[in-house]
N, C-alpha and C. Protein backbone atom coordinates (compact mmCIF):
# COMPACT_ATOMS: atom_id res chain seq x y z
N GLY A 1 1.65 -2.33 -28.24
CA GLY A 1 1.02 -2.45 -29.58
C GLY A 1 -0.35 -3.20 -29.35
N PRO A 2 -1.06 -3.39 -30.33
CA PRO A 2 -0.58 -3.49 -31.71
C PRO A 2 -0.62 -2.05 -32.38
N TYR A 3 0.45 -1.74 -33.19
CA TYR A 3 0.65 -0.66 -33.81
C TYR A 3 0.10 -0.81 -35.33
N THR A 4 0.34 -2.13 -35.80
CA THR A 4 -0.15 -2.50 -37.08
C THR A 4 -1.10 -3.68 -37.20
N GLY A 5 -1.59 -3.99 -38.29
CA GLY A 5 -2.30 -5.22 -38.53
C GLY A 5 -1.43 -6.47 -38.25
N GLU A 6 -0.14 -6.31 -38.65
CA GLU A 6 0.74 -7.49 -38.38
C GLU A 6 1.00 -7.65 -36.95
N ASP A 7 1.02 -6.56 -36.11
CA ASP A 7 1.15 -6.65 -34.75
C ASP A 7 -0.06 -7.31 -34.16
N ALA A 8 -1.23 -7.05 -34.53
CA ALA A 8 -2.43 -7.62 -34.05
C ALA A 8 -2.38 -9.14 -34.35
N ALA A 9 -2.04 -9.50 -35.58
CA ALA A 9 -1.98 -10.92 -35.87
C ALA A 9 -0.90 -11.66 -34.96
N ALA A 10 0.20 -11.07 -34.70
CA ALA A 10 1.20 -11.61 -33.80
C ALA A 10 0.62 -11.77 -32.35
N ILE A 11 -0.07 -10.82 -31.88
CA ILE A 11 -0.76 -10.93 -30.55
C ILE A 11 -1.73 -12.21 -30.66
N ARG A 12 -2.51 -12.16 -31.68
CA ARG A 12 -3.47 -13.36 -31.76
C ARG A 12 -2.70 -14.65 -31.68
N HIS A 13 -1.68 -14.72 -32.58
CA HIS A 13 -0.88 -16.00 -32.57
C HIS A 13 -0.23 -16.27 -31.26
N TYR A 14 0.35 -15.26 -30.52
CA TYR A 14 0.99 -15.48 -29.25
C TYR A 14 -0.07 -15.94 -28.26
N ILE A 15 -1.27 -15.36 -28.19
CA ILE A 15 -2.34 -15.73 -27.19
C ILE A 15 -2.79 -17.18 -27.48
N ARG A 16 -3.03 -17.51 -28.77
CA ARG A 16 -3.38 -18.85 -29.22
C ARG A 16 -2.29 -19.84 -28.69
N ASN A 17 -1.05 -19.55 -28.98
CA ASN A 17 0.00 -20.48 -28.74
C ASN A 17 0.06 -20.74 -27.15
N GLU A 18 0.00 -19.55 -26.43
CA GLU A 18 0.14 -19.68 -24.94
C GLU A 18 -1.00 -20.46 -24.39
N ASN A 19 -2.24 -20.31 -25.02
CA ASN A 19 -3.32 -21.17 -24.43
C ASN A 19 -3.22 -22.63 -24.80
N LYS A 20 -2.55 -22.89 -26.03
CA LYS A 20 -2.33 -24.23 -26.47
C LYS A 20 -1.33 -25.03 -25.56
N THR A 21 -0.21 -24.31 -25.27
CA THR A 21 0.88 -24.81 -24.52
C THR A 21 0.74 -24.82 -22.93
N LYS A 22 -0.21 -23.79 -22.54
CA LYS A 22 -0.52 -23.65 -21.18
C LYS A 22 0.76 -23.32 -20.30
N THR A 23 1.72 -22.64 -20.92
CA THR A 23 2.89 -22.24 -20.12
C THR A 23 2.72 -20.95 -19.26
N SER A 24 1.81 -20.18 -19.52
CA SER A 24 1.66 -18.85 -18.87
C SER A 24 0.33 -18.96 -17.90
N ALA A 25 0.66 -18.54 -16.63
CA ALA A 25 -0.42 -18.40 -15.71
C ALA A 25 -1.21 -17.11 -15.75
N PHE A 26 -0.67 -16.16 -16.43
CA PHE A 26 -1.37 -14.89 -16.64
C PHE A 26 -0.58 -14.05 -17.60
N LEU A 27 -1.12 -13.10 -18.22
CA LEU A 27 -0.51 -12.19 -19.14
C LEU A 27 -0.79 -10.72 -18.76
N ILE A 28 0.24 -9.90 -18.97
CA ILE A 28 0.07 -8.41 -18.63
C ILE A 28 0.49 -7.56 -19.79
N HIS A 29 -0.48 -6.86 -20.32
CA HIS A 29 -0.15 -5.94 -21.43
C HIS A 29 0.24 -4.59 -20.81
N LEU A 30 1.40 -4.05 -21.18
CA LEU A 30 1.99 -2.87 -20.65
C LEU A 30 1.65 -1.52 -21.29
N GLY A 31 0.42 -1.56 -21.87
CA GLY A 31 -0.09 -0.28 -22.36
C GLY A 31 0.45 0.05 -23.69
N ASP A 32 -0.09 1.20 -24.29
CA ASP A 32 0.25 1.62 -25.61
C ASP A 32 -0.39 0.68 -26.70
N ILE A 33 -1.75 0.78 -26.66
CA ILE A 33 -2.54 -0.17 -27.43
C ILE A 33 -2.47 0.32 -28.91
N ASN A 34 -1.90 1.37 -29.28
CA ASN A 34 -1.88 1.98 -30.61
C ASN A 34 -0.62 2.77 -30.71
N SER A 35 -0.33 3.32 -31.91
CA SER A 35 0.84 4.16 -32.17
C SER A 35 0.62 5.54 -31.61
N GLY A 36 1.73 6.15 -31.22
CA GLY A 36 1.66 7.63 -30.82
C GLY A 36 1.11 8.60 -31.90
N ALA A 37 1.38 8.28 -33.11
CA ALA A 37 0.88 9.14 -34.18
C ALA A 37 -0.67 9.01 -34.27
N MET A 38 -1.20 7.77 -34.18
CA MET A 38 -2.55 7.54 -34.24
C MET A 38 -3.18 8.37 -33.00
N ALA A 39 -2.60 8.31 -31.89
CA ALA A 39 -3.18 9.07 -30.69
C ALA A 39 -3.05 10.57 -30.92
N ARG A 40 -1.96 11.14 -31.37
CA ARG A 40 -1.85 12.50 -31.45
C ARG A 40 -2.70 13.05 -32.58
N GLN A 41 -2.96 12.32 -33.58
CA GLN A 41 -3.79 12.74 -34.74
C GLN A 41 -5.25 12.55 -34.46
N GLY A 42 -5.71 12.13 -33.30
CA GLY A 42 -7.05 11.92 -32.91
C GLY A 42 -7.80 10.81 -33.71
N LYS A 43 -7.04 9.83 -34.15
CA LYS A 43 -7.59 8.75 -34.99
C LYS A 43 -8.12 7.60 -34.16
N LEU A 44 -7.95 7.71 -32.85
CA LEU A 44 -8.25 6.56 -32.02
C LEU A 44 -9.73 6.59 -31.54
N THR A 45 -10.52 5.65 -32.08
CA THR A 45 -11.92 5.70 -31.79
C THR A 45 -12.23 4.65 -30.72
N GLU A 46 -13.56 4.87 -30.15
CA GLU A 46 -13.91 3.93 -29.05
C GLU A 46 -13.93 2.50 -29.63
N SER A 47 -14.29 2.23 -30.79
CA SER A 47 -14.26 0.96 -31.33
C SER A 47 -12.94 0.24 -31.35
N TYR A 48 -12.00 1.03 -31.40
CA TYR A 48 -10.51 0.50 -31.36
C TYR A 48 -10.24 0.03 -29.99
N TYR A 49 -10.69 0.63 -28.93
CA TYR A 49 -10.59 0.02 -27.57
C TYR A 49 -11.30 -1.16 -27.28
N SER A 50 -12.45 -1.28 -28.07
CA SER A 50 -13.33 -2.58 -28.02
C SER A 50 -12.60 -3.63 -28.65
N PHE A 51 -11.98 -3.25 -29.86
CA PHE A 51 -11.20 -4.27 -30.68
C PHE A 51 -10.02 -4.87 -29.79
N ILE A 52 -9.35 -3.95 -29.06
CA ILE A 52 -8.24 -4.39 -28.22
C ILE A 52 -8.75 -5.37 -27.19
N ARG A 53 -9.80 -5.05 -26.47
CA ARG A 53 -10.46 -5.99 -25.51
C ARG A 53 -10.76 -7.22 -26.11
N LYS A 54 -11.38 -7.26 -27.30
CA LYS A 54 -11.58 -8.59 -27.94
C LYS A 54 -10.31 -9.31 -28.37
N LEU A 55 -9.37 -8.63 -28.77
CA LEU A 55 -8.03 -9.17 -29.21
C LEU A 55 -7.46 -9.86 -27.97
N LEU A 56 -7.58 -9.27 -26.83
CA LEU A 56 -6.92 -9.86 -25.62
C LEU A 56 -7.80 -10.87 -24.85
N THR A 57 -9.05 -11.00 -25.22
CA THR A 57 -9.93 -11.89 -24.51
C THR A 57 -10.62 -12.97 -25.33
N ASP A 58 -10.96 -12.77 -26.61
CA ASP A 58 -11.52 -13.82 -27.42
C ASP A 58 -10.63 -15.00 -27.63
N GLY A 59 -11.14 -16.17 -27.26
CA GLY A 59 -10.40 -17.34 -27.42
C GLY A 59 -9.21 -17.51 -26.35
N ASN A 60 -9.17 -16.56 -25.42
CA ASN A 60 -8.04 -16.64 -24.42
C ASN A 60 -8.58 -17.12 -23.19
N LYS A 61 -7.97 -18.02 -22.50
CA LYS A 61 -8.35 -18.53 -21.10
C LYS A 61 -7.34 -18.20 -20.09
N ILE A 62 -6.30 -17.45 -20.53
CA ILE A 62 -5.28 -17.06 -19.57
C ILE A 62 -5.61 -15.65 -18.99
N PRO A 63 -5.77 -15.58 -17.68
CA PRO A 63 -6.13 -14.28 -17.12
C PRO A 63 -5.12 -13.13 -17.55
N THR A 64 -5.80 -12.08 -18.09
CA THR A 64 -4.95 -10.94 -18.72
C THR A 64 -5.24 -9.70 -18.12
N TYR A 65 -4.23 -9.03 -17.81
CA TYR A 65 -4.30 -7.70 -17.20
C TYR A 65 -3.76 -6.68 -18.17
N ILE A 66 -4.07 -5.35 -17.93
CA ILE A 66 -3.45 -4.19 -18.72
C ILE A 66 -3.25 -3.08 -17.87
N VAL A 67 -2.17 -2.35 -18.09
CA VAL A 67 -1.96 -1.02 -17.47
C VAL A 67 -2.14 -0.04 -18.55
N PRO A 68 -2.50 1.23 -18.13
CA PRO A 68 -2.69 2.31 -19.15
C PRO A 68 -1.42 2.71 -19.72
N GLY A 69 -1.46 3.20 -21.04
CA GLY A 69 -0.25 3.65 -21.70
C GLY A 69 -0.60 5.14 -22.11
N ASP A 70 0.40 5.80 -22.57
CA ASP A 70 0.26 7.19 -22.87
C ASP A 70 -0.41 7.39 -24.24
N ASN A 71 -0.26 6.49 -25.13
CA ASN A 71 -0.83 6.58 -26.41
C ASN A 71 -2.33 6.50 -26.49
N GLU A 72 -2.82 5.74 -25.60
CA GLU A 72 -4.44 5.63 -25.58
C GLU A 72 -4.99 6.49 -24.51
N TRP A 73 -4.18 7.40 -23.95
CA TRP A 73 -4.72 8.27 -22.89
C TRP A 73 -4.19 9.72 -22.95
N ASN A 74 -3.17 9.91 -22.35
CA ASN A 74 -2.66 11.35 -22.20
C ASN A 74 -2.05 12.02 -23.41
N ASP A 75 -1.60 11.21 -24.38
CA ASP A 75 -1.06 11.88 -25.56
C ASP A 75 -2.23 12.03 -26.66
N ARG A 76 -3.50 11.75 -26.38
CA ARG A 76 -4.57 12.11 -27.28
C ARG A 76 -4.93 13.55 -27.16
N PRO A 77 -5.43 14.14 -28.20
CA PRO A 77 -5.85 15.62 -28.05
C PRO A 77 -7.06 15.76 -27.06
N ASP A 78 -7.72 14.68 -26.78
CA ASP A 78 -8.74 14.60 -25.77
C ASP A 78 -8.62 13.55 -24.72
N PRO A 79 -7.63 13.77 -23.76
CA PRO A 79 -7.35 12.70 -22.82
C PRO A 79 -8.46 12.26 -22.00
N ASP A 80 -9.44 13.07 -21.63
CA ASP A 80 -10.59 12.57 -20.94
C ASP A 80 -11.46 11.59 -21.70
N VAL A 81 -11.53 11.81 -22.91
CA VAL A 81 -12.34 10.86 -23.72
C VAL A 81 -11.64 9.50 -23.79
N GLY A 82 -10.29 9.59 -24.04
CA GLY A 82 -9.41 8.40 -24.04
C GLY A 82 -9.51 7.67 -22.74
N TRP A 83 -9.48 8.38 -21.61
CA TRP A 83 -9.57 7.74 -20.33
C TRP A 83 -10.99 6.92 -20.12
N THR A 84 -12.09 7.64 -20.52
CA THR A 84 -13.37 7.14 -20.50
C THR A 84 -13.44 5.73 -21.19
N HIS A 85 -12.86 5.78 -22.49
CA HIS A 85 -12.94 4.54 -23.35
C HIS A 85 -12.02 3.47 -22.68
N TRP A 86 -10.93 3.87 -22.12
CA TRP A 86 -9.97 2.87 -21.51
C TRP A 86 -10.62 2.17 -20.40
N VAL A 87 -11.25 2.99 -19.47
CA VAL A 87 -11.98 2.38 -18.39
C VAL A 87 -13.08 1.41 -18.79
N LYS A 88 -13.80 1.87 -19.70
CA LYS A 88 -15.03 1.14 -20.13
C LYS A 88 -14.66 -0.30 -20.83
N HIS A 89 -13.53 -0.18 -21.66
CA HIS A 89 -13.27 -1.42 -22.39
C HIS A 89 -11.99 -2.19 -21.82
N LEU A 90 -11.19 -1.61 -21.20
CA LEU A 90 -9.97 -2.23 -20.76
C LEU A 90 -9.74 -2.34 -19.24
N GLY A 91 -10.33 -1.48 -18.54
CA GLY A 91 -10.29 -1.51 -17.03
C GLY A 91 -10.76 -2.85 -16.50
N SER A 92 -10.20 -3.36 -15.47
CA SER A 92 -10.50 -4.68 -14.84
C SER A 92 -10.65 -5.81 -15.94
N LEU A 93 -9.71 -5.77 -16.91
CA LEU A 93 -9.80 -6.83 -18.00
C LEU A 93 -9.86 -8.20 -17.46
N GLU A 94 -9.21 -8.44 -16.30
CA GLU A 94 -9.23 -9.84 -15.77
C GLU A 94 -10.63 -10.33 -15.40
N ASN A 95 -11.55 -9.54 -15.26
CA ASN A 95 -12.93 -9.92 -15.02
C ASN A 95 -13.48 -10.70 -16.12
N ASN A 96 -12.87 -10.77 -17.32
CA ASN A 96 -13.28 -11.69 -18.40
C ASN A 96 -12.71 -13.08 -18.34
N PHE A 97 -12.11 -13.38 -17.19
CA PHE A 97 -11.42 -14.72 -17.06
C PHE A 97 -11.81 -15.28 -15.69
N SER A 98 -11.63 -16.56 -15.61
CA SER A 98 -11.65 -17.21 -14.35
C SER A 98 -10.20 -17.26 -13.70
N VAL A 99 -10.13 -16.49 -12.58
CA VAL A 99 -8.89 -16.21 -11.90
C VAL A 99 -8.84 -16.99 -10.68
N GLU A 100 -7.80 -17.65 -10.47
CA GLU A 100 -7.57 -18.63 -9.25
C GLU A 100 -7.12 -17.85 -8.01
N TRP A 101 -6.74 -16.55 -8.10
CA TRP A 101 -6.18 -15.82 -7.05
C TRP A 101 -7.10 -14.57 -6.94
N LYS A 102 -6.92 -13.96 -5.80
CA LYS A 102 -7.59 -12.66 -5.55
C LYS A 102 -6.82 -11.42 -6.18
N THR A 103 -7.52 -10.74 -6.94
CA THR A 103 -7.05 -9.46 -7.37
C THR A 103 -7.41 -8.27 -6.60
N ALA A 104 -6.60 -7.56 -6.07
CA ALA A 104 -6.93 -6.32 -5.24
C ALA A 104 -6.80 -5.14 -6.24
N ARG A 105 -7.65 -4.21 -6.03
CA ARG A 105 -7.72 -2.96 -6.74
C ARG A 105 -7.63 -1.80 -5.83
N GLN A 106 -6.75 -0.79 -6.19
CA GLN A 106 -6.80 0.42 -5.24
C GLN A 106 -8.03 1.10 -5.32
N LYS A 107 -8.60 1.46 -4.23
CA LYS A 107 -10.03 2.19 -4.26
C LYS A 107 -9.89 3.49 -4.98
N ILE A 108 -8.86 4.23 -4.63
CA ILE A 108 -8.80 5.73 -5.30
C ILE A 108 -8.26 5.63 -6.85
N ARG A 109 -7.67 4.54 -7.21
CA ARG A 109 -7.19 4.45 -8.51
C ARG A 109 -7.43 2.96 -8.96
N PRO A 110 -8.66 2.65 -9.25
CA PRO A 110 -9.05 1.19 -9.64
C PRO A 110 -8.30 0.63 -10.78
N GLU A 111 -7.59 1.39 -11.48
CA GLU A 111 -6.76 0.77 -12.64
C GLU A 111 -5.55 0.18 -12.07
N ASN A 112 -5.13 0.45 -10.86
CA ASN A 112 -4.02 -0.17 -10.15
C ASN A 112 -4.42 -1.46 -9.49
N PHE A 113 -3.70 -2.53 -9.79
CA PHE A 113 -3.98 -3.82 -9.26
C PHE A 113 -2.88 -4.49 -8.54
N ALA A 114 -3.18 -5.55 -7.90
CA ALA A 114 -2.06 -6.41 -7.27
C ALA A 114 -2.62 -7.78 -7.00
N PHE A 115 -1.83 -8.73 -7.19
CA PHE A 115 -2.02 -10.16 -6.79
C PHE A 115 -0.75 -10.83 -6.48
N SER A 116 -0.95 -11.89 -5.65
CA SER A 116 0.33 -12.68 -5.49
C SER A 116 0.08 -14.09 -6.04
N ARG A 117 1.15 -14.70 -6.49
CA ARG A 117 1.04 -16.01 -7.07
C ARG A 117 2.37 -16.68 -6.92
N LYS A 118 2.33 -17.81 -6.30
CA LYS A 118 3.44 -18.72 -6.15
C LYS A 118 4.72 -17.87 -5.46
N GLY A 119 4.42 -17.10 -4.47
CA GLY A 119 5.42 -16.37 -3.83
C GLY A 119 5.97 -15.09 -4.46
N THR A 120 5.35 -14.60 -5.44
CA THR A 120 5.66 -13.43 -6.17
C THR A 120 4.47 -12.43 -6.22
N LEU A 121 4.70 -11.25 -5.82
CA LEU A 121 3.80 -10.20 -5.80
C LEU A 121 3.75 -9.49 -7.15
N VAL A 122 2.64 -9.37 -7.81
CA VAL A 122 2.62 -8.61 -9.00
C VAL A 122 1.70 -7.40 -8.86
N ILE A 123 2.33 -6.32 -9.15
CA ILE A 123 1.55 -4.95 -8.95
C ILE A 123 1.57 -4.16 -10.35
N GLY A 124 0.41 -3.72 -10.66
CA GLY A 124 0.17 -2.85 -11.93
C GLY A 124 -0.19 -1.43 -11.43
N ILE A 125 0.46 -0.50 -12.01
CA ILE A 125 0.14 0.82 -11.67
C ILE A 125 0.00 1.81 -12.94
N ASN A 126 -0.67 2.87 -12.72
CA ASN A 126 -0.85 3.78 -13.84
C ASN A 126 0.21 4.86 -13.79
N LEU A 127 1.32 4.51 -14.59
CA LEU A 127 2.46 5.31 -14.64
C LEU A 127 2.84 5.35 -16.12
N VAL A 128 2.37 6.32 -16.86
CA VAL A 128 2.50 6.41 -18.26
C VAL A 128 3.63 7.41 -18.56
N GLY A 129 4.09 7.28 -19.89
CA GLY A 129 5.02 8.25 -20.36
C GLY A 129 4.24 9.27 -21.06
N GLY A 130 4.94 10.05 -21.95
CA GLY A 130 4.14 10.96 -22.80
C GLY A 130 4.00 12.34 -22.18
N ARG A 131 3.03 13.02 -22.65
CA ARG A 131 2.81 14.42 -22.30
C ARG A 131 2.19 14.54 -20.88
N VAL A 132 2.46 15.52 -20.14
CA VAL A 132 1.82 15.77 -18.83
C VAL A 132 0.65 16.80 -19.19
N HIS A 133 -0.49 16.26 -19.23
CA HIS A 133 -1.75 17.13 -19.56
C HIS A 133 -2.33 17.88 -18.47
N ASP A 134 -1.98 17.36 -17.10
CA ASP A 134 -2.53 17.97 -15.96
C ASP A 134 -1.51 17.78 -14.83
N ARG A 135 -0.71 18.78 -14.59
CA ARG A 135 0.41 18.66 -13.60
C ARG A 135 -0.07 18.24 -12.22
N LYS A 136 -1.23 18.81 -11.67
CA LYS A 136 -1.58 18.40 -10.43
C LYS A 136 -2.10 16.92 -10.31
N GLU A 137 -2.83 16.59 -11.39
CA GLU A 137 -3.25 15.09 -11.52
C GLU A 137 -1.95 14.21 -11.64
N TRP A 138 -0.95 14.55 -12.29
CA TRP A 138 0.22 13.81 -12.49
C TRP A 138 0.94 13.58 -11.15
N ILE A 139 1.11 14.66 -10.40
CA ILE A 139 1.74 14.57 -9.04
C ILE A 139 0.85 13.76 -8.14
N ARG A 140 -0.56 13.85 -8.05
CA ARG A 140 -1.39 13.16 -7.19
C ARG A 140 -1.32 11.68 -7.61
N ARG A 141 -1.34 11.36 -8.85
CA ARG A 141 -1.37 9.97 -9.34
C ARG A 141 0.00 9.27 -8.93
N PHE A 142 1.05 10.06 -9.14
CA PHE A 142 2.37 9.43 -8.71
C PHE A 142 2.41 9.19 -7.29
N ARG A 143 1.82 10.17 -6.36
CA ARG A 143 1.75 9.81 -4.88
C ARG A 143 0.88 8.64 -4.63
N GLU A 144 -0.24 8.59 -5.22
CA GLU A 144 -1.25 7.46 -5.06
C GLU A 144 -0.68 6.12 -5.60
N ASN A 145 0.14 6.13 -6.68
CA ASN A 145 0.86 4.93 -7.11
C ASN A 145 1.86 4.42 -6.08
N ASN A 146 2.58 5.45 -5.52
CA ASN A 146 3.67 5.04 -4.53
C ASN A 146 2.90 4.56 -3.24
N ASP A 147 1.83 5.07 -2.86
CA ASP A 147 1.07 4.56 -1.70
C ASP A 147 0.58 3.04 -1.93
N TRP A 148 0.12 2.87 -3.08
CA TRP A 148 -0.40 1.57 -3.47
C TRP A 148 0.81 0.43 -3.43
N VAL A 149 1.93 0.81 -4.02
CA VAL A 149 3.02 -0.04 -3.92
C VAL A 149 3.53 -0.33 -2.66
N GLN A 150 3.64 0.74 -1.80
CA GLN A 150 4.08 0.60 -0.45
C GLN A 150 3.06 -0.25 0.38
N ALA A 151 1.84 -0.07 0.17
CA ALA A 151 0.71 -0.83 0.90
C ALA A 151 0.80 -2.24 0.50
N GLN A 152 1.04 -2.56 -0.76
CA GLN A 152 1.11 -3.94 -1.20
C GLN A 152 2.40 -4.67 -0.58
N PHE A 153 3.45 -3.85 -0.68
CA PHE A 153 4.76 -4.39 -0.07
C PHE A 153 4.55 -4.80 1.44
N SER A 154 3.90 -3.87 2.03
CA SER A 154 3.65 -4.08 3.56
C SER A 154 2.74 -5.22 3.69
N ALA A 155 1.66 -5.33 2.97
CA ALA A 155 0.66 -6.34 3.17
C ALA A 155 1.19 -7.78 2.84
N HIS A 156 2.08 -7.88 1.92
CA HIS A 156 2.61 -9.14 1.50
C HIS A 156 4.00 -9.51 1.87
N ARG A 157 4.67 -8.67 2.63
CA ARG A 157 6.06 -8.88 2.98
C ARG A 157 6.35 -10.26 3.63
N LYS A 158 5.47 -10.79 4.39
CA LYS A 158 5.74 -12.10 5.00
C LYS A 158 5.28 -13.30 4.10
N THR A 159 4.70 -13.07 3.03
CA THR A 159 4.09 -14.16 2.17
C THR A 159 4.77 -14.29 0.78
N VAL A 160 5.57 -13.34 0.31
CA VAL A 160 6.23 -13.40 -1.00
C VAL A 160 7.73 -13.25 -0.84
N ASP A 161 8.44 -13.73 -1.87
CA ASP A 161 9.86 -13.60 -1.96
C ASP A 161 10.36 -12.63 -3.04
N ALA A 162 9.39 -12.24 -3.91
CA ALA A 162 9.79 -11.37 -4.98
C ALA A 162 8.49 -10.51 -5.29
N ALA A 163 8.94 -9.46 -6.05
CA ALA A 163 7.78 -8.50 -6.54
C ALA A 163 8.20 -8.07 -7.86
N VAL A 164 7.07 -7.81 -8.60
CA VAL A 164 7.30 -7.19 -10.07
C VAL A 164 6.23 -6.15 -10.09
N VAL A 165 6.76 -4.92 -10.46
CA VAL A 165 5.82 -3.73 -10.57
C VAL A 165 5.77 -3.48 -12.11
N CYS A 166 4.50 -3.39 -12.55
CA CYS A 166 4.28 -3.35 -14.00
C CYS A 166 3.70 -1.91 -14.28
N CYS A 167 4.30 -1.30 -15.24
CA CYS A 167 3.68 0.08 -15.72
C CYS A 167 4.23 0.31 -17.10
N GLN A 168 3.70 1.26 -17.79
CA GLN A 168 4.02 1.52 -19.12
C GLN A 168 5.28 2.43 -19.32
N ALA A 169 5.44 3.45 -18.36
CA ALA A 169 6.61 4.24 -18.53
C ALA A 169 7.89 3.64 -17.88
C-alpha cells in the first residue's frame, strides 16, 4: 500500500513513530504502492509515484528501500510507462538517506540491491506477481534475479550468519 488515504496516514504514523523510537535500522517497502484496480484502470499517474517517494522520505531519517510491485508496473495497461515512473521516483530510494553501510546494486538490474548489517545479508529483487506482460523479459529477469542472489550468497558467505530475500511476489 497505501491503497487508501487511511493507509497513507498509517504509513506516515509508522515512519514518524520509528524515527522517534529509533528502533529500526532500515525499512523495506515490498511493492504495490497502490491498489490493483487503480493500476488496471489506468488511474496511476506519475504524481502518485512522486507522492509515494515523499511519503517514504519526508521527515524520515531511517534508510528506506523499495522493491517493485505488480500494481505499479506490470498490471498497468502501459507497463513501460509505469516502469519509467518507478525508476525515476522510487529506484535507489535509499539515496535520500545517510546510509552507514554499502548498498550494492546489480549492474544489469539496478532495482536489485543488497547490503549486510550485523551479520545479516539483505537482498532485494524484482520478482513481482500479477500478469506476465512479456514472457521473454519475465524469464530473463528471473534468471538475473537468481544470479544476483547466488552472487550475494557467494560474496558474503563468510561474513554473515543469515540472509533475507525481499520481493513483492
